[in-house]
Amino acid sequence: MTDEQIGLRISRNSIIINTFLSAFKLFAGIFSHSAAMISDSVHSMSDVLSTIIVIIGIRMSTKAADKDHPYGHERFECVTAIVLAALLFVIGVGIGWAGIEKIITNEYGDFSVPGVLALFAAVLSIFVKEAMYLYTLAAAKKTGLVSLRADAWHHRSDALSSVGSFIGILFARLGFPMMDPLASVVISLFIIKVSYNVFKDASSKMVDKTCDDDMNSKISEVILDQEGVIGIDLLNTRQFGSKIYVEIEIAADASLTLIAAHDIAQRVHDEIEAKFEKVKHCIVHVNPYDYYSCTKQ
């Protein structure tokens, strides 16, 4: 199964689960007279929108290269993640502002004593959304899709929102309605921090950030294992969306024929693309070892 297929399958499942969960929370909020749960259901509905954005991003980023885009469309995936980061930020600010406004005005909602069903819905939402976070994050790590990782954190933000709803509903039933907006303010700070992390990760990949030291070391090991490679003169890696581009200069015996030198470069190229599935393109240049030795003296 390709990265695109995995991403689309995860996204479709997310839409189905979020739709049912949102409907149940809305019903529980209305039936139990819980303003907090009704707000939480609206937050869950926003996850459906964010997942639709992810699907659009995945489809656009996995389009084949064409005349106008010879390097492909992978950066659309980073754009999608940035859009989701902005959506998370707006949600976080909205939740926080609503909580602050209620604290300042001493207005804690129309329903001060919500029913037990709202409490159950909050607990169910916490477990379901945390499971969806882990499920989506695992797929994001497997595929390297930045937008999928952003959507995973959107699920986590919803789980945190449900924690706030649970605290607010519980304390409202115990006679402390102020805990509802106060919990919302704290949770909003977590959501804003998550939006910053998602934005930072996506934007770094928009500007061709190099791979981490571990990945570069593994690539170097594969290069040096190839017969005929005397050394590595240059190794540049860059992350292009969820894919990796590699530029390599190797040193080989200067007395080799052009065909022999080409064969070495081809082996290096093939091994890199075979052993690192995220590498989309690899360029290998061969330097004559004797010439290089002379220039170093």
C-alpha atoms as a PDB file:
ATOM      1  CA  MET A   1       0.000   0.000   0.000  1.00  0.00           C
ATOM      2  CA  THR A   2       1.400   3.407  -1.012  1.00  0.00           C
ATOM      3  CA  ASP A   3       1.780   6.398   1.321  1.00  0.00           C
ATOM      4  CA  GLU A   4      -1.107   8.089  -0.492  1.00  0.00           C
ATOM      5  CA  GLN A   5      -3.391   5.086  -0.002  1.00  0.00           C
ATOM      6  CA  ILE A   6      -2.506   4.843   3.697  1.00  0.00           C
ATOM      7  CA  GLY A   7      -3.092   8.560   4.203  1.00  0.00           C
ATOM      8  CA  LEU A   8      -6.442   8.519   2.404  1.00  0.00           C
ATOM      9  CA  ARG A   9      -7.609   5.425   4.306  1.00  0.00           C
ATOM     10  CA  ILE A  10      -6.724   7.018   7.660  1.00  0.00           C
ATOM     11  CA  SER A  11      -8.458  10.246   6.644  1.00  0.00           C
ATOM     12  CA  ARG A  12     -11.644   8.498   5.531  1.00  0.00           C
ATOM     13  CA  ASN A  13     -11.803   6.576   8.809  1.00  0.00           C
ATOM     14  CA  SER A  14     -11.283   9.834  10.719  1.00  0.00           C
ATOM     15  CA  ILE A  15     -14.196  11.504   8.934  1.00  0.00           C
ATOM     16  CA  ILE A  16     -16.532   8.592   9.703  1.00  0.00           C
ATOM     17  CA  ILE A  17     -15.559   8.395  13.397  1.00  0.00           C
ATOM     18  CA  ASN A  18     -15.657  12.175  13.892  1.00  0.00           C
ATOM     19  CA  THR A  19     -19.072  12.460  12.271  1.00  0.00           C
ATOM     20  CA  PHE A  20     -20.613   9.872  14.603  1.00  0.00           C
ATOM     21  CA  LEU A  21     -18.762  11.231  17.658  1.00  0.00           C
ATOM     22  CA  SER A  22     -19.843  14.809  16.924  1.00  0.00           C
ATOM     23  CA  ALA A  23     -23.471  13.759  16.505  1.00  0.00           C
ATOM     24  CA  PHE A  24     -23.402  11.820  19.795  1.00  0.00           C
ATOM     25  CA  LYS A  25     -21.806  14.709  21.704  1.00  0.00           C
ATOM     26  CA  LEU A  26     -24.329  17.157  20.264  1.00  0.00           C
ATOM     27  CA  PHE A  27     -27.191  14.879  21.334  1.00  0.00           C
ATOM     28  CA  ALA A  28     -25.642  14.411  24.801  1.00  0.00           C
ATOM     29  CA  GLY A  29     -25.143  18.174  25.176  1.00  0.00           C
ATOM     30  CA  ILE A  30     -28.734  19.015  24.259  1.00  0.00           C
ATOM     31  CA  PHE A  31     -30.310  16.133  26.209  1.00  0.00           C
ATOM     32  CA  SER A  32     -28.161  16.769  29.324  1.00  0.00           C
ATOM     33  CA  HIS A  33     -28.390  20.563  29.172  1.00  0.00           C
ATOM     34  CA  SER A  34     -24.607  20.964  28.854  1.00  0.00           C
ATOM     35  CA  ALA A  35     -23.338  24.049  27.020  1.00  0.00           C
ATOM     36  CA  ALA A  36     -19.763  22.747  27.378  1.00  0.00           C
ATOM     37  CA  MET A  37     -20.597  19.493  25.580  1.00  0.00           C
ATOM     38  CA  ILE A  38     -22.432  21.316  22.789  1.00  0.00           C
ATOM     39  CA  SER A  39     -19.290  23.458  22.266  1.00  0.00           C
ATOM     40  CA  ASP A  40     -17.143  20.321  22.331  1.00  0.00           C
ATOM     41  CA  SER A  41     -19.294  18.741  19.606  1.00  0.00           C
ATOM     42  CA  VAL A  42     -18.719  21.794  17.399  1.00  0.00           C
ATOM     43  CA  HIS A  43     -14.971  21.387  17.957  1.00  0.00           C
ATOM     44  CA  SER A  44     -15.216  17.755  16.830  1.00  0.00           C
ATOM     45  CA  MET A  45     -17.087  18.856  13.712  1.00  0.00           C
ATOM     46  CA  SER A  46     -14.112  21.082  12.859  1.00  0.00           C
ATOM     47  CA  ASP A  47     -12.002  17.911  12.737  1.00  0.00           C
ATOM     48  CA  VAL A  48     -14.100  16.720   9.801  1.00  0.00           C
ATOM     49  CA  LEU A  49     -13.202  19.927   7.941  1.00  0.00           C
ATOM     50  CA  SER A  50      -9.512  19.571   8.798  1.00  0.00           C
ATOM     51  CA  THR A  51      -9.465  15.970   7.566  1.00  0.00           C
ATOM     52  CA  ILE A  52     -11.075  17.019   4.279  1.00  0.00           C
ATOM     53  CA  ILE A  53      -8.245  19.553   3.932  1.00  0.00           C
ATOM     54  CA  VAL A  54      -5.760  16.723   4.572  1.00  0.00           C
ATOM     55  CA  ILE A  55      -7.328  14.586   1.826  1.00  0.00           C
ATOM     56  CA  ILE A  56      -7.081  17.482  -0.628  1.00  0.00           C
ATOM     57  CA  GLY A  57      -3.451  18.055   0.387  1.00  0.00           C
ATOM     58  CA  ILE A  58      -2.494  14.389  -0.008  1.00  0.00           C
ATOM     59  CA  ARG A  59      -4.140  14.139  -3.436  1.00  0.00           C
ATOM     60  CA  MET A  60      -2.440  17.314  -4.656  1.00  0.00           C
ATOM     61  CA  SER A  61       0.996  16.463  -3.224  1.00  0.00           C
ATOM     62  CA  THR A  62       1.054  12.965  -4.750  1.00  0.00           C
ATOM     63  CA  LYS A  63       0.247  14.123  -8.274  1.00  0.00           C
ATOM     64  CA  ALA A  64       2.878  13.008 -10.781  1.00  0.00           C
ATOM     65  CA  ALA A  65       5.500  15.476 -11.982  1.00  0.00           C
ATOM     66  CA  ASP A  66       4.554  17.384 -15.104  1.00  0.00           C
ATOM     67  CA  LYS A  67       6.023  19.933 -17.501  1.00  0.00           C
ATOM     68  CA  ASP A  68       5.368  22.875 -15.183  1.00  0.00           C
ATOM     69  CA  HIS A  69       6.321  20.955 -12.006  1.00  0.00           C
ATOM     70  CA  PRO A  70       9.239  18.648 -12.916  1.00  0.00           C
ATOM     71  CA  TYR A  71      10.063  18.044  -9.229  1.00  0.00           C
ATOM     72  CA  GLY A  72       6.527  16.990  -8.342  1.00  0.00           C
ATOM     73  CA  HIS A  73       3.987  18.562  -6.007  1.00  0.00           C
ATOM     74  CA  GLU A  74       5.159  17.401  -2.558  1.00  0.00           C
ATOM     75  CA  ARG A  75       5.201  20.907  -1.093  1.00  0.00           C
ATOM     76  CA  PHE A  76       1.415  21.065  -1.300  1.00  0.00           C
ATOM     77  CA  GLU A  77       1.503  18.708   1.670  1.00  0.00           C
ATOM     78  CA  CYS A  78       3.446  21.252   3.723  1.00  0.00           C
ATOM     79  CA  VAL A  79       0.969  23.959   2.674  1.00  0.00           C
ATOM     80  CA  THR A  80      -1.833  21.710   3.963  1.00  0.00           C
ATOM     81  CA  ALA A  81      -0.064  21.291   7.311  1.00  0.00           C
ATOM     82  CA  ILE A  82       0.366  25.062   7.622  1.00  0.00           C
ATOM     83  CA  VAL A  83      -3.360  25.559   6.931  1.00  0.00           C
ATOM     84  CA  LEU A  84      -4.158  23.012   9.656  1.00  0.00           C
ATOM     85  CA  ALA A  85      -1.747  24.764  12.041  1.00  0.00           C
ATOM     86  CA  ALA A  86      -3.617  28.022  11.404  1.00  0.00           C
ATOM     87  CA  LEU A  87      -6.934  26.251  12.025  1.00  0.00           C
ATOM     88  CA  LEU A  88      -5.612  24.822  15.303  1.00  0.00           C
ATOM     89  CA  PHE A  89      -4.396  28.267  16.347  1.00  0.00           C
ATOM     90  CA  VAL A  90      -7.790  29.853  15.655  1.00  0.00           C
ATOM     91  CA  ILE A  91      -9.551  27.073  17.595  1.00  0.00           C
ATOM     92  CA  GLY A  92      -7.144  27.457  20.524  1.00  0.00           C
ATOM     93  CA  VAL A  93      -7.575  31.231  20.651  1.00  0.00           C
ATOM     94  CA  GLY A  94     -11.349  30.881  20.318  1.00  0.00           C
ATOM     95  CA  ILE A  95     -11.595  28.408  23.205  1.00  0.00           C
ATOM     96  CA  GLY A  96      -9.316  30.533  25.385  1.00  0.00           C
ATOM     97  CA  TRP A  97     -11.105  33.797  24.624  1.00  0.00           C
ATOM     98  CA  ALA A  98     -14.514  32.279  25.327  1.00  0.00           C
ATOM     99  CA  GLY A  99     -13.233  31.001  28.682  1.00  0.00           C
ATOM    100  CA  ILE A 100     -11.676  34.356  29.635  1.00  0.00           C
ATOM    101  CA  GLU A 101     -14.857  36.192  28.655  1.00  0.00           C
ATOM    102  CA  LYS A 102     -16.972  33.938  30.892  1.00  0.00           C
ATOM    103  CA  ILE A 103     -14.572  34.411  33.830  1.00  0.00           C
ATOM    104  CA  ILE A 104     -14.598  38.204  33.451  1.00  0.00           C
ATOM    105  CA  THR A 105     -18.373  38.469  33.107  1.00  0.00           C
ATOM    106  CA  ASN A 106     -19.142  35.697  35.620  1.00  0.00           C
ATOM    107  CA  GLU A 107     -21.327  34.013  33.006  1.00  0.00           C
ATOM    108  CA  TYR A 108     -20.740  30.269  33.107  1.00  0.00           C
ATOM    109  CA  GLY A 109     -23.325  29.120  30.636  1.00  0.00           C
ATOM    110  CA  ASP A 110     -27.051  28.630  30.530  1.00  0.00           C
ATOM    111  CA  PHE A 111     -26.950  25.157  32.055  1.00  0.00           C
ATOM    112  CA  SER A 112     -25.166  25.040  35.419  1.00  0.00           C
ATOM    113  CA  VAL A 113     -26.113  21.459  36.301  1.00  0.00           C
ATOM    114  CA  PRO A 114     -25.546  19.222  33.253  1.00  0.00           C
ATOM    115  CA  GLY A 115     -26.725  15.618  33.219  1.00  0.00           C
ATOM    116  CA  VAL A 116     -24.689  12.424  33.632  1.00  0.00           C
ATOM    117  CA  LEU A 117     -24.923  11.634  29.900  1.00  0.00           C
ATOM    118  CA  ALA A 118     -22.788  14.709  29.133  1.00  0.00           C
ATOM    119  CA  LEU A 119     -20.162  13.432  31.570  1.00  0.00           C
ATOM    120  CA  PHE A 120     -20.166  10.021  29.849  1.00  0.00           C
ATOM    121  CA  ALA A 121     -19.887  11.681  26.415  1.00  0.00           C
ATOM    122  CA  ALA A 122     -16.845  13.646  27.577  1.00  0.00           C
ATOM    123  CA  VAL A 123     -15.105  10.476  28.842  1.00  0.00           C
ATOM    124  CA  LEU A 124     -15.937   8.616  25.619  1.00  0.00           C
ATOM    125  CA  SER A 125     -14.616  11.513  23.543  1.00  0.00           C
ATOM    126  CA  ILE A 126     -11.328  11.589  25.467  1.00  0.00           C
ATOM    127  CA  PHE A 127     -10.653   7.899  24.826  1.00  0.00           C
ATOM    128  CA  VAL A 128     -11.825   7.927  21.181  1.00  0.00           C
ATOM    129  CA  LYS A 129      -9.911  11.071  20.234  1.00  0.00           C
ATOM    130  CA  GLU A 130      -6.724   9.924  21.993  1.00  0.00           C
ATOM    131  CA  ALA A 131      -6.976   6.595  20.147  1.00  0.00           C
ATOM    132  CA  MET A 132      -7.448   8.479  16.868  1.00  0.00           C
ATOM    133  CA  TYR A 133      -4.406  10.623  17.698  1.00  0.00           C
ATOM    134  CA  LEU A 134      -2.219   7.531  18.227  1.00  0.00           C
ATOM    135  CA  TYR A 135      -3.693   5.807  15.142  1.00  0.00           C
ATOM    136  CA  THR A 136      -3.100   8.819  12.878  1.00  0.00           C
ATOM    137  CA  LEU A 137       0.324   9.631  14.341  1.00  0.00           C
ATOM    138  CA  ALA A 138       1.523   6.056  13.712  1.00  0.00           C
ATOM    139  CA  ALA A 139       0.468   6.377  10.064  1.00  0.00           C
ATOM    140  CA  ALA A 140       2.152   9.788   9.826  1.00  0.00           C
ATOM    141  CA  LYS A 141       5.432   8.332  11.105  1.00  0.00           C
ATOM    142  CA  LYS A 142       5.188   5.435   8.647  1.00  0.00           C
ATOM    143  CA  THR A 143       4.405   7.576   5.609  1.00  0.00           C
ATOM    144  CA  GLY A 144       6.213  10.792   6.550  1.00  0.00           C
ATOM    145  CA  LEU A 145       3.121  12.819   5.565  1.00  0.00           C
ATOM    146  CA  VAL A 146       3.343  16.167   7.374  1.00  0.00           C
ATOM    147  CA  SER A 147      -0.360  16.949   6.954  1.00  0.00           C
ATOM    148  CA  LEU A 148      -1.287  13.615   8.529  1.00  0.00           C
ATOM    149  CA  ARG A 149       0.874  14.451  11.543  1.00  0.00           C
ATOM    150  CA  ALA A 150      -0.885  17.827  11.796  1.00  0.00           C
ATOM    151  CA  ASP A 151      -4.266  16.094  11.686  1.00  0.00           C
ATOM    152  CA  ALA A 152      -3.117  13.734  14.446  1.00  0.00           C
ATOM    153  CA  TRP A 153      -2.387  16.727  16.668  1.00  0.00           C
ATOM    154  CA  HIS A 154      -5.817  18.103  15.796  1.00  0.00           C
ATOM    155  CA  HIS A 155      -7.275  14.895  17.274  1.00  0.00           C
ATOM    156  CA  ARG A 156      -5.118  15.415  20.375  1.00  0.00           C
ATOM    157  CA  SER A 157      -6.429  18.995  20.683  1.00  0.00           C
ATOM    158  CA  ASP A 158      -9.978  17.630  20.599  1.00  0.00           C
ATOM    159  CA  ALA A 159      -9.088  15.121  23.324  1.00  0.00           C
ATOM    160  CA  LEU A 160      -7.740  17.994  25.438  1.00  0.00           C
ATOM    161  CA  SER A 161     -10.907  19.965  24.757  1.00  0.00           C
ATOM    162  CA  SER A 162     -12.946  17.008  25.992  1.00  0.00           C
ATOM    163  CA  VAL A 163     -10.807  16.880  29.141  1.00  0.00           C
ATOM    164  CA  GLY A 164     -11.797  20.490  29.720  1.00  0.00           C
ATOM    165  CA  SER A 165     -15.430  19.644  29.095  1.00  0.00           C
ATOM    166  CA  PHE A 166     -15.238  16.742  31.562  1.00  0.00           C
ATOM    167  CA  ILE A 167     -13.687  18.939  34.263  1.00  0.00           C
ATOM    168  CA  GLY A 168     -16.188  21.703  33.625  1.00  0.00           C
ATOM    169  CA  ILE A 169     -19.202  19.371  33.647  1.00  0.00           C
ATOM    170  CA  LEU A 170     -17.972  17.501  36.740  1.00  0.00           C
ATOM    171  CA  PHE A 171     -17.357  20.636  38.779  1.00  0.00           C
ATOM    172  CA  ALA A 172     -20.578  22.228  37.527  1.00  0.00           C
ATOM    173  CA  ARG A 173     -22.411  19.207  38.967  1.00  0.00           C
ATOM    174  CA  LEU A 174     -20.459  19.699  42.206  1.00  0.00           C
ATOM    175  CA  GLY A 175     -21.397  23.386  42.367  1.00  0.00           C
ATOM    176  CA  PHE A 176     -18.233  25.015  40.919  1.00  0.00           C
ATOM    177  CA  PRO A 177     -19.221  26.255  37.435  1.00  0.00           C
ATOM    178  CA  MET A 178     -16.158  28.535  37.144  1.00  0.00           C
ATOM    179  CA  MET A 179     -13.938  25.480  36.559  1.00  0.00           C
ATOM    180  CA  ASP A 180     -15.441  25.059  33.086  1.00  0.00           C
ATOM    181  CA  PRO A 181     -14.082  28.311  31.566  1.00  0.00           C
ATOM    182  CA  LEU A 182     -10.869  28.091  33.600  1.00  0.00           C
ATOM    183  CA  ALA A 183     -10.115  24.626  32.210  1.00  0.00           C
ATOM    184  CA  SER A 184     -10.857  25.937  28.702  1.00  0.00           C
ATOM    185  CA  VAL A 185      -8.234  28.673  29.075  1.00  0.00           C
ATOM    186  CA  VAL A 186      -5.545  26.197  30.164  1.00  0.00           C
ATOM    187  CA  ILE A 187      -6.387  23.781  27.348  1.00  0.00           C
ATOM    188  CA  SER A 188      -6.338  26.592  24.784  1.00  0.00           C
ATOM    189  CA  LEU A 189      -2.686  27.213  25.653  1.00  0.00           C
ATOM    190  CA  PHE A 190      -1.867  23.561  24.880  1.00  0.00           C
ATOM    191  CA  ILE A 191      -3.687  23.783  21.544  1.00  0.00           C
ATOM    192  CA  ILE A 192      -1.844  27.002  20.588  1.00  0.00           C
ATOM    193  CA  LYS A 193       1.490  25.360  21.464  1.00  0.00           C
ATOM    194  CA  VAL A 194       0.613  22.364  19.256  1.00  0.00           C
ATOM    195  CA  SER A 195      -0.291  24.689  16.373  1.00  0.00           C
ATOM    196  CA  TYR A 196       3.136  26.332  16.694  1.00  0.00           C
ATOM    197  CA  ASN A 197       4.912  22.955  16.605  1.00  0.00           C
ATOM    198  CA  VAL A 198       2.972  21.847  13.515  1.00  0.00           C
ATOM    199  CA  PHE A 199       3.690  25.163  11.762  1.00  0.00           C
ATOM    200  CA  LYS A 200       7.393  24.996  12.655  1.00  0.00           C
ATOM    201  CA  ASP A 201       7.755  21.432  11.320  1.00  0.00           C
ATOM    202  CA  ALA A 202       5.914  22.179   8.059  1.00  0.00           C
ATOM    203  CA  SER A 203       7.655  25.495   7.389  1.00  0.00           C
ATOM    204  CA  SER A 204      11.107  23.950   7.952  1.00  0.00           C
ATOM    205  CA  LYS A 205      10.365  21.432   5.186  1.00  0.00           C
ATOM    206  CA  MET A 206       9.225  24.228   2.890  1.00  0.00           C
ATOM    207  CA  VAL A 207      12.746  25.706   2.922  1.00  0.00           C
ATOM    208  CA  ASP A 208      14.633  22.498   2.054  1.00  0.00           C
ATOM    209  CA  LYS A 209      15.865  21.596   5.524  1.00  0.00           C
ATOM    210  CA  THR A 210      18.530  18.891   5.632  1.00  0.00           C
ATOM    211  CA  CYS A 211      17.800  15.441   7.053  1.00  0.00           C
ATOM    212  CA  ASP A 212      18.847  14.709  10.616  1.00  0.00           C
ATOM    213  CA  ASP A 213      22.343  13.417  11.459  1.00  0.00           C
ATOM    214  CA  ASP A 214      21.116   9.842  11.878  1.00  0.00           C
ATOM    215  CA  MET A 215      19.673   9.704   8.351  1.00  0.00           C
ATOM    216  CA  ASN A 216      22.784  11.323   6.841  1.00  0.00           C
ATOM    217  CA  SER A 217      25.011   8.795   8.647  1.00  0.00           C
ATOM    218  CA  LYS A 218      22.964   5.862   7.344  1.00  0.00           C
ATOM    219  CA  ILE A 219      23.167   7.200   3.789  1.00  0.00           C
ATOM    220  CA  SER A 220      26.939   7.637   4.158  1.00  0.00           C
ATOM    221  CA  GLU A 221      27.304   4.027   5.312  1.00  0.00           C
ATOM    222  CA  VAL A 222      25.431   2.740   2.269  1.00  0.00           C
ATOM    223  CA  ILE A 223      27.598   4.839  -0.058  1.00  0.00           C
ATOM    224  CA  LEU A 224      30.892   3.658   1.449  1.00  0.00           C
ATOM    225  CA  ASP A 225      29.742   0.021   1.299  1.00  0.00           C
ATOM    226  CA  GLN A 226      29.616   0.159  -2.506  1.00  0.00           C
ATOM    227  CA  GLU A 227      32.534  -1.384  -4.379  1.00  0.00           C
ATOM    228  CA  GLY A 228      34.788   1.198  -6.009  1.00  0.00           C
ATOM    229  CA  VAL A 229      33.892   4.085  -3.697  1.00  0.00           C
ATOM    230  CA  ILE A 230      37.074   5.450  -2.108  1.00  0.00           C
ATOM    231  CA  GLY A 231      35.433   8.271  -0.173  1.00  0.00           C
ATOM    232  CA  ILE A 232      32.623  10.799   0.038  1.00  0.00           C
ATOM    233  CA  ASP A 233      33.508  14.333  -1.058  1.00  0.00           C
ATOM    234  CA  LEU A 234      30.013  15.780  -0.667  1.00  0.00           C
ATOM    235  CA  LEU A 235      26.671  14.670   0.751  1.00  0.00           C
ATOM    236  CA  ASN A 236      23.704  17.049   0.653  1.00  0.00           C
ATOM    237  CA  THR A 237      20.199  16.000   1.646  1.00  0.00           C
ATOM    238  CA  ARG A 238      17.033  18.077   1.638  1.00  0.00           C
ATOM    239  CA  GLN A 239      13.479  17.367   2.692  1.00  0.00           C
ATOM    240  CA  PHE A 240      10.993  18.264  -0.005  1.00  0.00           C
ATOM    241  CA  GLY A 241       7.591  17.794   1.621  1.00  0.00           C
ATOM    242  CA  SER A 242       7.500  14.168   2.751  1.00  0.00           C
ATOM    243  CA  LYS A 243      10.231  13.132   0.286  1.00  0.00           C
ATOM    244  CA  ILE A 244      14.035  13.372   0.386  1.00  0.00           C
ATOM    245  CA  TYR A 245      16.399  14.566  -2.345  1.00  0.00           C
ATOM    246  CA  VAL A 246      20.073  13.528  -2.200  1.00  0.00           C
ATOM    247  CA  GLU A 247      23.144  14.998  -3.924  1.00  0.00           C
ATOM    248  CA  ILE A 248      26.383  13.012  -3.657  1.00  0.00           C
ATOM    249  CA  GLU A 249      29.967  13.420  -4.822  1.00  0.00           C
ATOM    250  CA  ILE A 250      32.107  10.306  -4.455  1.00  0.00           C
ATOM    251  CA  ALA A 251      35.823   9.755  -5.021  1.00  0.00           C
ATOM    252  CA  ALA A 252      36.875   6.872  -7.314  1.00  0.00           C
ATOM    253  CA  ASP A 253      40.112   5.674  -8.891  1.00  0.00           C
ATOM    254  CA  ALA A 254      41.170   8.174 -11.570  1.00  0.00           C
ATOM    255  CA  SER A 255      42.411   5.401 -13.866  1.00  0.00           C
ATOM    256  CA  LEU A 256      38.924   3.894 -14.278  1.00  0.00           C
ATOM    257  CA  THR A 257      37.186   4.057 -17.639  1.00  0.00           C
ATOM    258  CA  LEU A 258      34.114   6.263 -18.016  1.00  0.00           C
ATOM    259  CA  ILE A 259      31.934   3.160 -18.152  1.00  0.00           C
ATOM    260  CA  ALA A 260      33.439   1.742 -14.937  1.00  0.00           C
ATOM    261  CA  ALA A 261      33.053   5.061 -13.109  1.00  0.00           C
ATOM    262  CA  HIS A 262      29.454   5.295 -14.317  1.00  0.00           C
ATOM    263  CA  ASP A 263      28.731   1.786 -13.041  1.00  0.00           C
ATOM    264  CA  ILE A 264      29.959   2.764  -9.560  1.00  0.00           C
ATOM    265  CA  ALA A 265      27.775   5.882  -9.556  1.00  0.00           C
ATOM    266  CA  GLN A 266      24.804   3.844 -10.752  1.00  0.00           C
ATOM    267  CA  ARG A 267      25.273   1.301  -7.941  1.00  0.00           C
ATOM    268  CA  VAL A 268      25.368   4.085  -5.365  1.00  0.00           C
ATOM    269  CA  HIS A 269      22.252   5.675  -6.894  1.00  0.00           C
ATOM    270  CA  ASP A 270      20.292   2.410  -6.988  1.00  0.00           C
ATOM    271  CA  GLU A 271      21.223   1.369  -3.446  1.00  0.00           C
ATOM    272  CA  ILE A 272      20.260   4.734  -1.964  1.00  0.00           C
ATOM    273  CA  GLU A 273      16.834   4.735  -3.633  1.00  0.00           C
ATOM    274  CA  ALA A 274      16.270   1.056  -2.803  1.00  0.00           C
ATOM    275  CA  LYS A 275      17.183   1.224   0.905  1.00  0.00           C
ATOM    276  CA  PHE A 276      15.582   4.580   1.695  1.00  0.00           C
ATOM    277  CA  GLU A 277      11.994   4.605   0.431  1.00  0.00           C
ATOM    278  CA  LYS A 278      11.576   8.312   1.213  1.00  0.00           C
ATOM    279  CA  VAL A 279      14.342   9.227  -1.236  1.00  0.00           C
ATOM    280  CA  LYS A 280      12.602  10.373  -4.397  1.00  0.00           C
ATOM    281  CA  HIS A 281      15.648  11.502  -6.363  1.00  0.00           C
ATOM    282  CA  CYS A 282      19.386  10.889  -6.015  1.00  0.00           C
ATOM    283  CA  ILE A 283      22.196  12.507  -8.024  1.00  0.00           C
ATOM    284  CA  VAL A 284      25.694  11.008  -7.926  1.00  0.00           C
ATOM    285  CA  HIS A 285      28.809  12.743  -9.284  1.00  0.00           C
ATOM    286  CA  VAL A 286      32.185  10.968  -9.507  1.00  0.00           C
ATOM    287  CA  ASN A 287      35.464  12.779  -8.768  1.00  0.00           C
ATOM    288  CA  PRO A 288      38.833  11.264  -9.873  1.00  0.00           C
ATOM    289  CA  TYR A 289      40.704  10.402  -6.688  1.00  0.00           C
ATOM    290  CA  ASP A 290      44.207  11.343  -7.941  1.00  0.00           C
ATOM    291  CA  TYR A 291      43.047  14.808  -9.023  1.00  0.00           C
ATOM    292  CA  TYR A 292      41.328  15.392  -5.744  1.00  0.00           C
ATOM    293  CA  SER A 293      44.420  14.337  -3.808  1.00  0.00           C
ATOM    294  CA  CYS A 294      46.531  16.820  -5.684  1.00  0.00           C
ATOM    295  CA  THR A 295      44.199  19.716  -5.044  1.00  0.00           C
ATOM    296  CA  LYS A 296      44.277  19.004  -1.317  1.00  0.00           C
ATOM    297  CA  GLN A 297      48.054  19.292  -1.126  1.00  0.00           C
END
